[in-house]
Each structure stands twice: as structure tokens, then as C-alpha cells.
N, C-alpha and C. Protein backbone atom coordinates (compact mmCIF):
# COMPACT_ATOMS: atom_id res chain seq x y z
N MET A 1 174.97 149.09 101.24
CA MET A 1 173.54 148.25 101.81
C MET A 1 173.81 146.97 103.24
N ILE A 2 172.55 147.28 103.76
CA ILE A 2 172.69 146.23 104.85
C ILE A 2 171.37 145.20 104.53
N SER A 3 171.97 143.82 103.90
CA SER A 3 170.74 143.08 103.46
C SER A 3 170.44 142.32 104.95
N PHE A 4 170.78 142.24 105.65
CA PHE A 4 169.99 141.38 107.09
C PHE A 4 170.92 141.48 108.23
N LEU A 5 170.58 141.13 109.11
CA LEU A 5 171.04 141.31 110.57
C LEU A 5 170.32 140.35 111.47
N ARG A 6 171.66 139.51 112.16
CA ARG A 6 171.22 138.28 112.79
C ARG A 6 171.85 138.62 114.19
N GLY A 7 170.73 138.24 114.87
CA GLY A 7 171.21 138.53 116.69
C GLY A 7 169.91 138.14 117.71
N LYS A 8 170.35 138.73 118.43
CA LYS A 8 168.94 138.16 119.57
C LYS A 8 167.95 139.24 119.59
N LEU A 9 167.04 138.74 119.81
CA LEU A 9 165.76 140.11 120.04
C LEU A 9 165.75 140.32 121.55
N VAL A 10 165.99 141.71 121.52
CA VAL A 10 166.02 142.59 122.81
C VAL A 10 164.43 142.95 122.64
N SER A 11 163.84 143.48 122.19
CA SER A 11 162.41 143.89 122.44
C SER A 11 161.78 143.90 121.14
N ALA A 12 160.53 143.75 121.18
CA ALA A 12 159.43 143.45 120.12
C ALA A 12 158.10 144.60 120.33
N THR A 13 157.54 145.36 119.36
CA THR A 13 156.38 145.50 119.44
C THR A 13 155.85 145.26 118.00
N PRO A 14 154.59 145.31 117.77
CA PRO A 14 154.03 145.33 116.56
C PRO A 14 154.29 146.40 115.24
N ALA A 15 154.94 147.22 115.89
CA ALA A 15 155.93 148.22 114.85
C ALA A 15 157.24 148.21 114.81
N GLN A 16 157.84 147.79 115.64
CA GLN A 16 159.49 148.06 116.21
C GLN A 16 159.91 146.88 116.79
N VAL A 17 161.23 146.60 116.24
CA VAL A 17 162.39 145.59 117.19
C VAL A 17 163.29 146.44 117.47
N VAL A 18 164.04 145.68 118.37
CA VAL A 18 165.33 146.08 118.75
C VAL A 18 166.44 144.57 118.69
N LEU A 19 167.04 144.70 117.97
CA LEU A 19 167.85 143.61 117.93
C LEU A 19 169.76 143.64 118.05
N ASP A 20 170.21 142.85 119.06
CA ASP A 20 171.47 142.91 119.62
C ASP A 20 172.31 142.00 118.65
N CYS A 21 173.21 142.70 118.05
CA CYS A 21 174.04 142.03 117.02
C CYS A 21 175.15 142.39 117.52
N ASN A 22 176.03 141.21 118.22
CA ASN A 22 177.58 141.31 118.69
C ASN A 22 177.11 142.47 119.80
N GLY A 23 176.65 142.85 120.69
CA GLY A 23 176.74 144.10 121.32
C GLY A 23 176.26 145.45 120.62
N VAL A 24 175.97 145.69 119.81
CA VAL A 24 175.27 146.92 118.55
C VAL A 24 173.80 146.20 119.08
N GLY A 25 172.77 147.36 119.40
CA GLY A 25 171.56 147.52 119.27
C GLY A 25 171.30 148.10 118.17
N TYR A 26 170.30 147.11 117.26
CA TYR A 26 169.83 148.08 115.93
C TYR A 26 168.07 148.28 116.34
N GLU A 27 167.81 149.38 116.02
CA GLU A 27 166.35 149.50 116.20
C GLU A 27 165.53 149.33 114.44
N LEU A 28 164.63 148.83 114.38
CA LEU A 28 163.98 148.32 112.92
C LEU A 28 162.24 148.58 113.04
N ALA A 29 161.87 149.18 112.24
CA ALA A 29 160.50 149.36 112.06
C ALA A 29 160.35 148.25 111.37
N ILE A 30 159.28 147.50 111.61
CA ILE A 30 158.68 146.34 110.94
C ILE A 30 157.20 146.40 110.37
N PRO A 31 156.48 145.78 109.71
CA PRO A 31 155.59 145.77 109.33
C PRO A 31 154.63 144.34 110.59
N LEU A 32 153.11 144.81 110.58
CA LEU A 32 152.49 143.83 111.42
C LEU A 32 152.81 142.46 111.19
N SER A 33 152.60 142.10 109.66
CA SER A 33 152.77 140.80 109.20
C SER A 33 154.20 140.37 109.50
N SER A 34 155.31 140.76 109.76
CA SER A 34 156.45 140.49 110.18
C SER A 34 156.56 140.08 111.67
N PHE A 35 155.83 140.90 112.66
CA PHE A 35 155.62 140.57 113.79
C PHE A 35 155.18 139.14 114.63
N ASP A 36 154.09 139.08 113.60
CA ASP A 36 153.71 137.26 113.90
C ASP A 36 154.49 136.24 113.71
N LYS A 37 155.46 136.61 113.26
CA LYS A 37 156.62 135.71 112.46
C LYS A 37 158.00 135.26 113.32
N LEU A 38 158.24 136.59 114.41
CA LEU A 38 158.96 136.86 115.29
C LEU A 38 159.34 135.62 116.55
N PRO A 39 160.43 135.35 116.87
CA PRO A 39 160.90 134.29 117.60
C PRO A 39 160.07 135.35 119.37
N ALA A 40 160.33 134.51 120.35
CA ALA A 40 159.87 135.40 121.60
C ALA A 40 161.21 136.00 122.03
N VAL A 41 161.07 136.94 122.73
CA VAL A 41 162.17 138.03 123.02
C VAL A 41 163.11 137.07 123.90
N GLY A 42 164.37 137.53 123.31
CA GLY A 42 165.62 136.85 124.03
C GLY A 42 166.11 135.76 122.86
N GLY A 43 164.93 135.21 121.93
CA GLY A 43 165.30 134.33 121.03
C GLY A 43 166.46 134.66 119.92
N ASP A 44 167.27 133.75 118.96
CA ASP A 44 168.04 134.53 117.94
C ASP A 44 167.02 134.50 116.72
N VAL A 45 167.47 135.74 116.00
CA VAL A 45 166.61 135.58 114.82
C VAL A 45 167.73 136.48 113.41
N ARG A 46 167.01 135.83 112.27
CA ARG A 46 167.50 136.77 111.44
C ARG A 46 166.38 137.67 110.60
N ILE A 47 166.69 139.04 110.36
CA ILE A 47 165.79 139.85 110.07
C ILE A 47 166.55 140.64 108.67
N LEU A 48 165.56 140.37 107.35
CA LEU A 48 166.07 141.18 106.21
C LEU A 48 165.91 142.16 106.51
N THR A 49 166.60 143.56 105.89
CA THR A 49 166.69 144.75 106.28
C THR A 49 166.50 145.65 104.59
N TYR A 50 166.10 147.06 104.97
CA TYR A 50 165.82 147.81 103.99
C TYR A 50 166.28 149.12 104.72
N LEU A 51 167.58 149.96 104.27
CA LEU A 51 167.81 150.93 105.02
C LEU A 51 167.36 152.28 103.79
N HIS A 52 166.54 152.91 104.68
CA HIS A 52 165.89 154.21 103.51
C HIS A 52 166.66 155.03 103.98
N VAL A 53 167.34 155.95 103.17
CA VAL A 53 168.12 157.41 103.92
C VAL A 53 167.29 158.80 103.19
N ARG A 54 167.30 159.30 104.21
CA ARG A 54 167.03 160.91 103.54
C ARG A 54 167.72 161.86 104.37
N GLU A 55 167.43 163.16 104.02
CA GLU A 55 168.47 164.10 104.75
C GLU A 55 168.64 164.21 106.18
N ASP A 56 167.44 163.91 106.48
CA ASP A 56 167.48 164.24 108.16
C ASP A 56 167.61 163.05 108.91
N ALA A 57 167.57 161.58 108.10
CA ALA A 57 167.42 160.41 108.64
C ALA A 57 167.88 159.24 108.28
N HIS A 58 168.27 158.25 108.85
CA HIS A 58 168.45 157.15 108.52
C HIS A 58 167.65 156.00 108.97
N GLN A 59 166.71 155.27 108.43
CA GLN A 59 165.79 154.41 109.06
C GLN A 59 165.92 153.06 108.51
N LEU A 60 165.91 151.96 109.26
CA LEU A 60 166.25 150.56 109.16
C LEU A 60 165.01 149.98 109.21
N TYR A 61 164.40 149.14 108.36
CA TYR A 61 163.19 148.71 108.33
C TYR A 61 163.80 147.05 107.97
N GLY A 62 162.71 146.16 108.94
CA GLY A 62 163.01 144.92 108.61
C GLY A 62 161.79 144.16 108.50
N PHE A 63 162.00 143.02 107.76
CA PHE A 63 161.23 141.84 107.16
C PHE A 63 161.44 140.31 107.56
N MET A 64 160.89 139.89 107.53
CA MET A 64 160.95 138.30 108.21
C MET A 64 161.16 137.45 106.90
N THR A 65 160.42 137.86 105.84
CA THR A 65 160.45 137.32 104.42
C THR A 65 160.84 138.17 103.20
N GLU A 66 161.74 137.56 102.05
CA GLU A 66 162.11 138.32 101.34
C GLU A 66 160.70 138.84 100.58
N GLN A 67 159.36 137.91 100.36
CA GLN A 67 158.54 138.55 100.07
C GLN A 67 158.10 139.95 100.39
N GLU A 68 157.74 139.95 101.87
CA GLU A 68 157.60 141.32 102.15
C GLU A 68 158.30 142.46 101.91
N ARG A 69 159.89 142.15 101.88
CA ARG A 69 161.14 143.25 101.18
C ARG A 69 160.63 143.94 99.98
N ALA A 70 160.39 142.69 99.24
CA ALA A 70 160.28 143.10 97.79
C ALA A 70 159.12 143.74 97.32
N LEU A 71 158.14 143.41 98.40
CA LEU A 71 156.64 144.21 98.28
C LEU A 71 156.96 145.89 98.88
N PHE A 72 157.59 145.86 99.91
CA PHE A 72 158.04 147.22 100.43
C PHE A 72 158.60 147.89 99.39
N ARG A 73 159.85 147.56 98.72
CA ARG A 73 160.54 147.96 97.78
C ARG A 73 159.39 148.93 96.65
N LEU A 74 158.93 147.87 96.03
CA LEU A 74 157.91 147.96 95.02
C LEU A 74 156.51 148.97 95.40
N LEU A 75 156.37 149.25 96.51
CA LEU A 75 155.54 150.13 97.17
C LEU A 75 155.91 151.49 97.19
N LEU A 76 157.19 151.42 97.48
CA LEU A 76 158.08 152.84 97.49
C LEU A 76 158.66 153.29 96.46
N SER A 77 158.16 152.41 95.25
CA SER A 77 158.62 153.07 93.74
C SER A 77 157.34 154.12 93.23
N ILE A 78 156.30 153.78 94.16
CA ILE A 78 155.01 154.49 93.70
C ILE A 78 155.00 156.06 94.40
N SER A 79 154.86 157.29 93.34
CA SER A 79 154.84 158.21 93.71
C SER A 79 153.95 158.87 94.91
N GLY A 80 154.56 159.02 95.87
CA GLY A 80 153.59 159.70 96.96
C GLY A 80 153.40 158.83 98.31
N ILE A 81 154.03 157.54 97.91
CA ILE A 81 153.89 156.42 99.16
C ILE A 81 155.35 156.33 99.79
N GLY A 82 155.39 156.80 101.09
CA GLY A 82 156.50 156.58 101.92
C GLY A 82 156.74 155.37 102.62
N PRO A 83 157.79 155.12 103.30
CA PRO A 83 158.04 153.87 104.26
C PRO A 83 156.64 153.90 105.04
N LYS A 84 156.16 155.23 105.73
CA LYS A 84 155.31 154.51 106.82
C LYS A 84 153.90 154.08 106.26
N ILE A 85 153.37 154.54 104.65
CA ILE A 85 152.16 154.04 104.29
C ILE A 85 152.32 152.46 103.86
N ALA A 86 153.77 152.48 103.37
CA ALA A 86 154.23 151.11 102.88
C ALA A 86 154.06 149.98 103.76
N LEU A 87 154.45 150.35 105.11
CA LEU A 87 154.37 149.47 106.25
C LEU A 87 152.83 149.15 106.90
N THR A 88 152.19 149.95 106.51
CA THR A 88 150.62 150.05 106.90
C THR A 88 149.99 149.11 105.91
N VAL A 89 150.09 149.08 104.79
CA VAL A 89 149.94 148.75 103.67
C VAL A 89 150.19 147.19 103.89
N LEU A 90 151.58 146.91 104.04
CA LEU A 90 151.93 145.30 104.17
C LEU A 90 151.57 144.63 105.55
N GLY A 91 150.81 145.55 106.66
CA GLY A 91 150.57 145.30 108.00
C GLY A 91 148.70 144.74 107.74
N GLY A 92 148.43 145.24 106.48
CA GLY A 92 146.96 145.16 106.25
C GLY A 92 146.29 144.19 105.86
N MET A 93 147.15 143.43 104.76
CA MET A 93 147.12 142.48 104.07
C MET A 93 148.32 141.55 104.01
N SER A 94 147.92 139.92 103.83
CA SER A 94 149.37 139.26 103.65
C SER A 94 150.06 139.50 102.31
N PRO A 95 150.84 139.44 102.11
CA PRO A 95 151.73 139.86 100.90
C PRO A 95 151.23 138.94 99.77
N VAL A 96 150.69 137.95 99.64
CA VAL A 96 149.88 137.27 98.68
C VAL A 96 148.55 137.61 98.41
N ALA A 97 147.84 138.12 99.33
CA ALA A 97 146.48 138.98 99.19
C ALA A 97 146.65 140.08 98.83
N LEU A 98 147.70 140.73 99.26
CA LEU A 98 147.97 141.81 98.13
C LEU A 98 148.07 142.17 97.23
N LYS A 99 149.01 141.25 96.75
CA LYS A 99 149.25 140.86 95.38
C LYS A 99 148.08 140.64 94.37
N GLY A 100 147.22 139.78 95.05
CA GLY A 100 146.08 139.26 94.31
C GLY A 100 145.05 140.47 94.21
N ALA A 101 145.03 141.23 95.21
CA ALA A 101 143.94 142.32 95.24
C ALA A 101 144.67 143.35 94.07
N ILE A 102 146.08 143.78 94.15
CA ILE A 102 146.15 144.49 93.11
C ILE A 102 146.45 144.01 91.75
N VAL A 103 146.26 143.15 91.70
CA VAL A 103 146.20 142.27 90.12
C VAL A 103 144.86 142.10 89.78
N SER A 104 143.94 141.79 90.52
CA SER A 104 142.51 142.17 90.20
C SER A 104 141.78 143.12 90.22
N ASN A 105 142.55 144.20 90.72
CA ASN A 105 141.95 145.42 90.73
C ASN A 105 140.81 145.71 91.60
N ASP A 106 141.22 145.01 93.01
CA ASP A 106 140.21 145.23 94.01
C ASP A 106 140.39 146.08 94.92
N VAL A 107 140.26 147.60 94.20
CA VAL A 107 140.20 148.90 94.96
C VAL A 107 139.61 148.77 96.28
N LYS A 108 138.26 148.45 96.35
CA LYS A 108 137.27 148.02 97.67
C LYS A 108 138.29 147.48 98.88
N SER A 109 138.75 146.12 98.61
CA SER A 109 139.42 145.60 99.62
C SER A 109 141.25 146.55 100.17
N LEU A 110 141.62 147.04 99.16
CA LEU A 110 142.89 147.87 99.51
C LEU A 110 142.09 149.06 100.20
N SER A 111 141.35 149.55 99.81
CA SER A 111 140.65 150.68 100.43
C SER A 111 140.57 150.50 102.11
N ARG A 112 139.94 149.49 102.49
CA ARG A 112 139.93 149.26 103.63
C ARG A 112 141.19 149.35 104.70
N ILE A 113 142.31 149.51 103.86
CA ILE A 113 143.47 149.20 104.77
C ILE A 113 143.59 150.77 105.42
N LYS A 114 143.77 150.77 106.62
CA LYS A 114 144.05 152.09 107.51
C LYS A 114 145.03 152.93 106.60
N GLY A 115 144.24 154.28 106.16
CA GLY A 115 145.50 155.10 105.47
C GLY A 115 145.32 155.14 104.23
N VAL A 116 144.67 154.34 103.50
CA VAL A 116 144.92 153.95 102.28
C VAL A 116 143.48 153.86 101.38
N GLY A 117 143.17 155.47 101.00
CA GLY A 117 141.95 155.82 100.42
C GLY A 117 141.63 155.48 98.99
N PRO A 118 141.04 155.23 98.30
CA PRO A 118 140.14 154.86 97.03
C PRO A 118 141.26 155.07 96.14
N LYS A 119 141.65 156.80 95.95
CA LYS A 119 142.63 157.28 94.97
C LYS A 119 144.29 156.60 95.30
N THR A 120 144.41 155.98 96.63
CA THR A 120 145.79 155.45 96.58
C THR A 120 145.57 153.92 96.10
N ALA A 121 144.55 153.31 96.41
CA ALA A 121 144.14 152.28 96.14
C ALA A 121 144.17 151.94 94.76
N GLU A 122 143.57 152.77 93.72
CA GLU A 122 143.58 152.99 92.80
C GLU A 122 144.98 152.88 91.83
N ARG A 123 146.03 153.94 92.48
CA ARG A 123 147.13 154.09 91.88
C ARG A 123 147.98 152.93 92.40
N LEU A 124 147.66 151.96 93.39
CA LEU A 124 148.50 150.88 93.46
C LEU A 124 148.19 149.81 92.63
N CYS A 125 147.25 149.74 92.31
CA CYS A 125 146.51 148.75 91.32
C CYS A 125 147.17 149.30 89.63
N VAL A 126 147.14 150.46 89.10
CA VAL A 126 147.65 150.77 87.92
C VAL A 126 148.87 150.81 88.15
N GLU A 127 149.34 151.30 89.12
CA GLU A 127 151.30 151.27 88.63
C GLU A 127 151.74 150.06 89.32
N LEU A 128 151.25 148.78 90.10
CA LEU A 128 151.70 148.00 90.23
C LEU A 128 151.29 146.57 89.55
N ARG A 129 150.14 146.52 88.98
CA ARG A 129 149.50 145.31 88.47
C ARG A 129 150.67 144.65 87.30
N ASP A 130 151.57 145.53 86.46
CA ASP A 130 152.24 144.61 85.62
C ASP A 130 153.65 144.26 86.14
N LYS A 131 154.01 144.97 87.26
CA LYS A 131 155.05 144.72 87.87
C LYS A 131 155.13 143.16 88.64
N ILE A 132 153.73 143.35 89.17
CA ILE A 132 153.52 141.80 90.02
C ILE A 132 153.17 140.81 88.84
N GLY A 133 152.44 140.94 87.77
CA GLY A 133 152.00 140.21 86.98
C GLY A 133 151.32 138.94 87.26
N GLU A 134 151.24 138.11 86.23
CA GLU A 134 150.56 136.87 86.02
C GLU A 134 150.88 136.07 87.24
N ILE A 135 152.19 135.95 87.61
CA ILE A 135 152.62 134.84 88.79
C ILE A 135 152.29 135.48 90.08
N GLY A 136 151.98 136.78 90.27
CA GLY A 136 151.26 137.50 91.39
C GLY A 136 149.77 136.89 91.48
N ALA A 137 149.17 136.92 90.44
CA ALA A 137 148.06 136.48 90.53
C ALA A 137 147.76 134.91 90.74
N LEU A 138 148.76 134.17 90.17
CA LEU A 138 148.46 132.82 90.63
C LEU A 138 148.71 132.28 91.87
N GLU A 139 149.85 132.87 92.50
CA GLU A 139 150.11 133.22 93.80
C GLU A 139 148.92 133.14 94.91
N ALA A 140 148.18 134.03 94.70
CA ALA A 140 147.12 134.96 94.86
C ALA A 140 145.77 133.69 95.26
N ALA A 141 145.60 133.35 93.75
CA ALA A 141 144.77 132.02 93.96
C ALA A 141 144.98 130.93 94.39
N ALA A 142 145.96 130.33 94.40
CA ALA A 142 146.45 129.13 95.09
C ALA A 142 146.76 129.58 96.49
N ALA A 143 146.87 130.49 97.29
CA ALA A 143 146.86 130.79 98.52
C ALA A 143 145.39 131.19 99.14
N LYS A 144 144.43 131.22 98.20
CA LYS A 144 143.03 131.60 98.87
C LYS A 144 142.24 130.39 99.05
N HIS A 145 142.85 129.32 98.08
CA HIS A 145 142.61 127.80 98.69
C HIS A 145 143.39 127.01 99.43
N ALA A 146 144.63 127.61 99.93
CA ALA A 146 145.48 126.91 100.94
C ALA A 146 145.36 127.35 102.50
N LEU A 147 144.41 128.64 102.43
CA LEU A 147 144.30 128.91 103.77
C LEU A 147 143.53 128.09 104.57
N THR A 148 144.00 127.69 105.89
CA THR A 148 143.07 126.91 106.74
C THR A 148 142.07 127.75 107.14
N PRO A 149 140.75 126.68 107.48
CA PRO A 149 139.55 127.32 108.04
C PRO A 149 139.77 128.53 109.24
N GLU A 150 140.72 128.08 110.10
CA GLU A 150 140.86 129.03 111.08
C GLU A 150 141.85 130.24 110.76
N GLU A 151 142.55 130.17 109.96
CA GLU A 151 143.42 131.49 108.86
C GLU A 151 142.34 132.13 108.87
N GLN A 152 141.31 131.75 107.89
CA GLN A 152 140.00 132.37 107.16
C GLN A 152 139.78 132.95 108.01
N LYS A 153 139.22 132.12 109.09
CA LYS A 153 138.22 132.94 110.29
C LYS A 153 138.89 134.47 110.74
N LEU A 154 139.80 133.91 110.96
CA LEU A 154 141.10 135.18 111.69
C LEU A 154 140.98 136.36 110.77
N ASN A 155 140.92 136.17 109.66
CA ASN A 155 141.19 137.40 108.29
C ASN A 155 139.86 138.08 108.18
N ASP A 156 138.81 137.17 108.32
CA ASP A 156 137.46 137.69 108.09
C ASP A 156 137.11 138.64 109.54
N ALA A 157 137.44 138.01 110.27
CA ALA A 157 136.99 138.95 111.87
C ALA A 157 137.70 139.99 111.60
N ILE A 158 139.19 140.01 111.16
CA ILE A 158 140.09 141.07 111.23
C ILE A 158 139.56 142.29 110.30
N LEU A 159 139.11 142.01 109.13
CA LEU A 159 138.47 142.58 108.16
C LEU A 159 136.99 143.40 108.85
N ALA A 160 136.51 142.53 109.28
CA ALA A 160 135.32 142.98 109.87
C ALA A 160 135.39 144.25 110.84
N MET A 161 136.59 143.91 111.65
CA MET A 161 136.91 144.78 112.60
C MET A 161 137.12 146.27 112.00
N VAL A 162 138.12 146.17 111.04
CA VAL A 162 138.82 147.24 110.38
C VAL A 162 137.71 147.90 109.77
N SER A 163 136.32 147.53 109.34
CA SER A 163 135.36 147.96 108.33
C SER A 163 134.43 148.39 109.32
N LEU A 164 134.81 148.24 110.80
CA LEU A 164 133.85 149.15 111.53
C LEU A 164 134.47 150.23 112.26
N GLY A 165 135.91 150.30 111.63
CA GLY A 165 136.73 151.71 112.25
C GLY A 165 137.51 151.60 112.75
N TYR A 166 138.32 150.11 113.24
CA TYR A 166 139.01 149.87 114.21
C TYR A 166 140.38 149.96 113.41
N LYS A 167 141.59 150.66 113.75
CA LYS A 167 142.82 150.75 113.46
C LYS A 167 143.21 149.08 113.40
N GLN A 168 144.05 148.84 112.13
CA GLN A 168 144.44 147.57 112.10
C GLN A 168 145.13 146.83 113.13
N LEU A 169 145.97 147.62 113.90
CA LEU A 169 146.95 147.13 114.85
C LEU A 169 145.95 146.49 116.15
N GLU A 170 144.67 147.32 116.31
CA GLU A 170 143.79 147.17 117.04
C GLU A 170 142.97 145.94 117.07
N ALA A 171 142.63 146.08 115.81
CA ALA A 171 141.56 144.91 115.08
C ALA A 171 142.58 143.67 115.08
N HIS A 172 143.68 143.81 115.09
CA HIS A 172 144.59 142.27 115.26
C HIS A 172 144.93 141.95 116.42
N LYS A 173 144.99 142.68 117.49
CA LYS A 173 145.49 142.40 118.84
C LYS A 173 143.80 141.67 119.37
N ALA A 174 142.52 142.59 119.27
CA ALA A 174 141.42 142.51 119.78
C ALA A 174 141.17 141.15 119.07
N VAL A 175 141.21 140.84 117.93
CA VAL A 175 140.86 139.55 117.37
C VAL A 175 141.56 138.14 117.95
N ARG A 176 142.90 138.14 117.88
CA ARG A 176 144.02 137.46 118.78
C ARG A 176 143.40 137.17 119.79
N ALA A 177 143.00 138.04 120.81
CA ALA A 177 142.54 138.14 122.22
C ALA A 177 141.36 137.34 122.14
N ALA A 178 140.23 137.38 121.40
CA ALA A 178 139.22 136.73 121.36
C ALA A 178 139.16 135.82 121.07
N CYS A 179 140.17 135.22 119.99
CA CYS A 179 140.29 133.84 119.85
C CYS A 179 141.19 133.03 120.59
N ASP A 180 141.82 133.30 121.36
CA ASP A 180 142.60 132.86 122.45
C ASP A 180 141.46 132.68 123.81
N ARG A 181 140.33 133.44 123.83
CA ARG A 181 139.42 133.14 125.20
C ARG A 181 138.37 132.32 124.56
N LEU A 182 137.99 132.13 123.52
CA LEU A 182 136.97 131.57 122.84
C LEU A 182 137.37 130.06 122.30
N GLY A 183 138.48 129.88 122.08
CA GLY A 183 139.05 128.78 121.57
C GLY A 183 138.62 128.39 120.26
N ALA A 184 138.95 127.16 119.55
CA ALA A 184 138.87 126.95 118.24
C ALA A 184 137.24 126.53 117.92
N GLY A 185 137.11 126.61 116.94
CA GLY A 185 135.53 126.25 116.49
C GLY A 185 134.63 127.10 116.70
N ALA A 186 135.13 128.81 117.28
CA ALA A 186 134.12 129.82 117.62
C ALA A 186 133.78 130.57 115.93
N LYS A 187 132.39 130.83 115.80
CA LYS A 187 132.21 131.63 114.44
C LYS A 187 132.61 133.07 114.60
N VAL A 188 133.03 133.63 112.95
CA VAL A 188 133.39 134.71 112.81
C VAL A 188 132.51 135.87 113.49
N GLU A 189 131.28 135.88 113.59
CA GLU A 189 130.31 136.66 113.92
C GLU A 189 130.96 136.63 115.90
N ASP A 190 130.89 135.77 116.45
CA ASP A 190 131.47 135.46 117.80
C ASP A 190 132.82 135.95 118.06
N ILE A 191 133.96 135.95 117.30
CA ILE A 191 135.01 136.32 117.40
C ILE A 191 134.89 137.75 117.30
N VAL A 192 134.16 138.36 116.47
CA VAL A 192 134.00 139.93 116.54
C VAL A 192 133.50 140.21 117.58
N ARG A 193 132.12 139.69 118.00
CA ARG A 193 131.57 140.23 119.28
C ARG A 193 132.57 140.20 120.49
N GLU A 194 132.92 139.16 121.06
CA GLU A 194 134.39 139.04 121.44
C GLU A 194 135.37 140.06 121.68
N ALA A 195 136.02 140.15 120.53
CA ALA A 195 136.86 141.40 120.17
C ALA A 195 136.30 142.55 120.52
N LEU A 196 135.15 143.33 120.15
CA LEU A 196 134.58 144.44 120.40
C LEU A 196 134.50 144.74 121.80
N LYS A 197 134.39 143.37 122.70
CA LYS A 197 134.28 143.51 124.47
C LYS A 197 135.70 144.08 124.86
N GLY A 198 136.84 143.93 124.11
CA GLY A 198 137.75 143.94 124.44
C GLY A 198 138.82 145.18 123.95
N VAL A 199 137.92 145.68 123.10
CA VAL A 199 138.46 147.27 122.78
C VAL A 199 137.84 148.41 123.58
């Protein structure tokens, strides 16, 4: 089992990175949540990994935090959820918010994630609630109050875009660009309006 890779970041997109480890280039699929934590291309980085083995392919998945990797493994333990959907779920919410939604049976929020319908959202809640447990609920409650107003606005704007039918990646990019153009102090509705112009 490959636990982590340390090397130079050669390229990065919101779905994939290439890492140069002593002259060997490793391609890793990553969730959107990890993309935000990457250094600039050319920088040194340590990425936690998960090797998914199928008959026809060996695929490496990368994560910037242990929490993301642990949740990815939990998601894979559910029948019918493969790596692709697991990455989508991780990209749709922060790990702490995801735990909170599962523990509080928030099917509505989970269903907003692109590719996760109400049935899958219900299954996530039923099958993972006990595994995440009380600690996950406390983490989520604490983090809700720990978000800065700017982070909360960003989250709300992305959720608004997703509820309008945009893909998470598209919404994420558009909201980030809108925030850069408008600067700090913009209201959620202004950010969404500006983001809609850019898509």
C-alpha cells in the first residue's frame, strides 16, 4: 500500500495532479477540497494516497488531509458508491460539513451535490451515521461556528449556484472569480449575480 507521495507538483487541475517523485511522474485523481490546499505548480508537496485496484486498472487517489482520505474510504464502503462518486461527494462539501449532514440526516443538503440523488443521500446517512458517530457531530457543530463570515459567504454562494443547476466545479470557479473581482465585503447575492455573468 502506498501511504503518501512527496515530490514536486508538475501540474494540477481541480480533478487531477501530476507529482514528480525523484524522476517518476505519478498521476493522482483528487477531490476539489484538496485542490484548494495545493501549493503553486513547481512547489514541493506531500499528498496522502489511496490505491484503488480493479481488474482493468490501478488508480491512485490523492488527498491533502487525513480526514479527506478517511471519509473517501468510508464512502467506498457503501455498496454502489465507487471512487468517482466518492470524489464528487468530497468536492461538494468540506469533510466536517459532510459529517454534520450525515449525522443530522440532512438528506436535502446531500442531495444538492451533483450526482447524489435523494436515494443515495439517504443511504449515506443510514450507512455512515453510526460510523461517524457523536464525535463527527460535535466537530460539525464546532466548525459551523468557526467559519469566518467570508468563508460562510463563499459556501453560501457556491451552494446557490449548485441549486441553480451548475456543476460544483463550475460553481466553485465562477464564485472564486466573482469574489476576486468584487473584493471583500460583497454580499452573497452580489457574488452569485457576478458569478452568473462569468459562466
